[in-house]
Amino acid sequence: MMNIRRAKIHESKPLTNIAIRSESYWGYDSDYMEKFKVYENK
């Protein structure tokens, strides 16, 4: 069985990077993807 848990603070950057890469795979335009980068550096 799989256990799903909340992300820890130190995991936020790698998880954000995964989300950005997965969204860009589906062909979203670069303007849309730039919105994610605001959160990437926090």
N, C-alpha and C. Protein backbone atom coordinates (compact mmCIF):
# COMPACT_ATOMS: atom_id res chain seq x y z
N MET A 1 0.84 -1.18 0.00
CA MET A 1 0.00 0.00 0.00
C MET A 1 0.89 1.25 0.00
N MET A 2 0.43 2.30 -0.65
CA MET A 2 1.19 3.54 -0.75
C MET A 2 0.76 4.51 0.35
N ASN A 3 1.73 5.19 0.92
CA ASN A 3 1.47 6.19 1.94
C ASN A 3 1.76 7.57 1.36
N ILE A 4 0.76 8.43 1.29
CA ILE A 4 0.95 9.79 0.78
C ILE A 4 1.03 10.73 1.97
N ARG A 5 2.03 11.61 1.95
CA ARG A 5 2.23 12.55 3.05
C ARG A 5 2.43 13.95 2.50
N ARG A 6 2.33 14.91 3.37
CA ARG A 6 2.61 16.30 2.99
C ARG A 6 4.11 16.45 2.73
N ALA A 7 4.42 17.32 1.79
CA ALA A 7 5.83 17.59 1.50
C ALA A 7 6.44 18.38 2.66
N LYS A 8 7.71 18.15 2.85
CA LYS A 8 8.45 18.92 3.85
C LYS A 8 9.02 20.17 3.19
N ILE A 9 9.33 21.18 3.99
CA ILE A 9 9.81 22.46 3.47
C ILE A 9 11.01 22.27 2.56
N HIS A 10 11.97 21.46 2.96
CA HIS A 10 13.20 21.29 2.16
C HIS A 10 12.94 20.56 0.84
N GLU A 11 11.76 19.99 0.67
CA GLU A 11 11.42 19.29 -0.57
C GLU A 11 10.72 20.19 -1.58
N SER A 12 10.44 21.43 -1.21
CA SER A 12 9.63 22.29 -2.07
C SER A 12 10.30 22.61 -3.41
N LYS A 13 11.59 22.89 -3.40
CA LYS A 13 12.26 23.25 -4.66
C LYS A 13 12.29 22.08 -5.65
N PRO A 14 12.72 20.88 -5.23
CA PRO A 14 12.71 19.78 -6.19
C PRO A 14 11.29 19.43 -6.67
N LEU A 15 10.31 19.53 -5.80
CA LEU A 15 8.94 19.23 -6.22
C LEU A 15 8.41 20.28 -7.19
N THR A 16 8.78 21.53 -6.97
CA THR A 16 8.38 22.59 -7.91
C THR A 16 9.01 22.35 -9.27
N ASN A 17 10.28 21.96 -9.28
CA ASN A 17 10.96 21.67 -10.55
C ASN A 17 10.28 20.52 -11.29
N ILE A 18 9.86 19.50 -10.56
CA ILE A 18 9.15 18.38 -11.17
C ILE A 18 7.83 18.86 -11.77
N ALA A 19 7.11 19.69 -11.04
CA ALA A 19 5.83 20.21 -11.53
C ALA A 19 6.02 21.05 -12.79
N ILE A 20 7.03 21.88 -12.81
CA ILE A 20 7.30 22.73 -13.98
C ILE A 20 7.63 21.86 -15.20
N ARG A 21 8.48 20.87 -15.01
CA ARG A 21 8.84 19.99 -16.13
C ARG A 21 7.64 19.20 -16.62
N SER A 22 6.81 18.73 -15.70
CA SER A 22 5.67 17.93 -16.12
C SER A 22 4.63 18.78 -16.86
N GLU A 23 4.43 20.00 -16.43
CA GLU A 23 3.48 20.88 -17.13
C GLU A 23 4.00 21.25 -18.51
N SER A 24 5.29 21.52 -18.62
CA SER A 24 5.84 21.91 -19.92
C SER A 24 5.79 20.74 -20.91
N TYR A 25 5.81 19.52 -20.42
CA TYR A 25 5.69 18.35 -21.29
C TYR A 25 4.39 18.38 -22.08
N TRP A 26 3.33 18.90 -21.47
CA TRP A 26 2.01 18.89 -22.09
C TRP A 26 1.81 20.05 -23.05
N GLY A 27 2.86 20.81 -23.32
CA GLY A 27 2.81 21.81 -24.38
C GLY A 27 2.28 23.18 -23.98
N TYR A 28 2.28 23.48 -22.70
CA TYR A 28 1.86 24.82 -22.30
C TYR A 28 2.87 25.84 -22.83
N ASP A 29 2.38 27.02 -23.19
CA ASP A 29 3.27 28.03 -23.77
C ASP A 29 4.21 28.62 -22.72
N SER A 30 5.24 29.29 -23.19
CA SER A 30 6.29 29.80 -22.29
C SER A 30 5.77 30.88 -21.35
N ASP A 31 4.79 31.68 -21.76
CA ASP A 31 4.23 32.69 -20.87
C ASP A 31 3.56 32.04 -19.67
N TYR A 32 2.83 30.97 -19.93
CA TYR A 32 2.17 30.24 -18.84
C TYR A 32 3.21 29.63 -17.90
N MET A 33 4.27 29.06 -18.46
CA MET A 33 5.29 28.41 -17.65
C MET A 33 6.08 29.41 -16.81
N GLU A 34 6.21 30.64 -17.27
CA GLU A 34 6.91 31.66 -16.50
C GLU A 34 6.23 31.93 -15.17
N LYS A 35 4.93 31.73 -15.09
CA LYS A 35 4.18 31.94 -13.84
C LYS A 35 4.68 31.00 -12.75
N PHE A 36 5.09 29.80 -13.13
CA PHE A 36 5.59 28.85 -12.14
C PHE A 36 6.95 29.27 -11.57
N LYS A 37 7.74 29.93 -12.35
CA LYS A 37 9.09 30.29 -11.93
C LYS A 37 9.10 31.29 -10.79
N VAL A 38 8.01 32.01 -10.57
CA VAL A 38 7.90 32.93 -9.44
C VAL A 38 8.07 32.15 -8.14
N TYR A 39 7.51 30.95 -8.08
CA TYR A 39 7.56 30.13 -6.88
C TYR A 39 8.83 29.30 -6.78
N GLU A 40 9.49 29.10 -7.89
CA GLU A 40 10.68 28.25 -7.92
C GLU A 40 11.80 28.80 -7.05
N ASN A 41 11.95 30.10 -6.97
CA ASN A 41 13.07 30.70 -6.26
C ASN A 41 12.78 31.05 -4.81
N LYS A 42 11.65 30.69 -4.32
CA LYS A 42 11.30 31.02 -2.92
C LYS A 42 11.79 29.96 -1.98
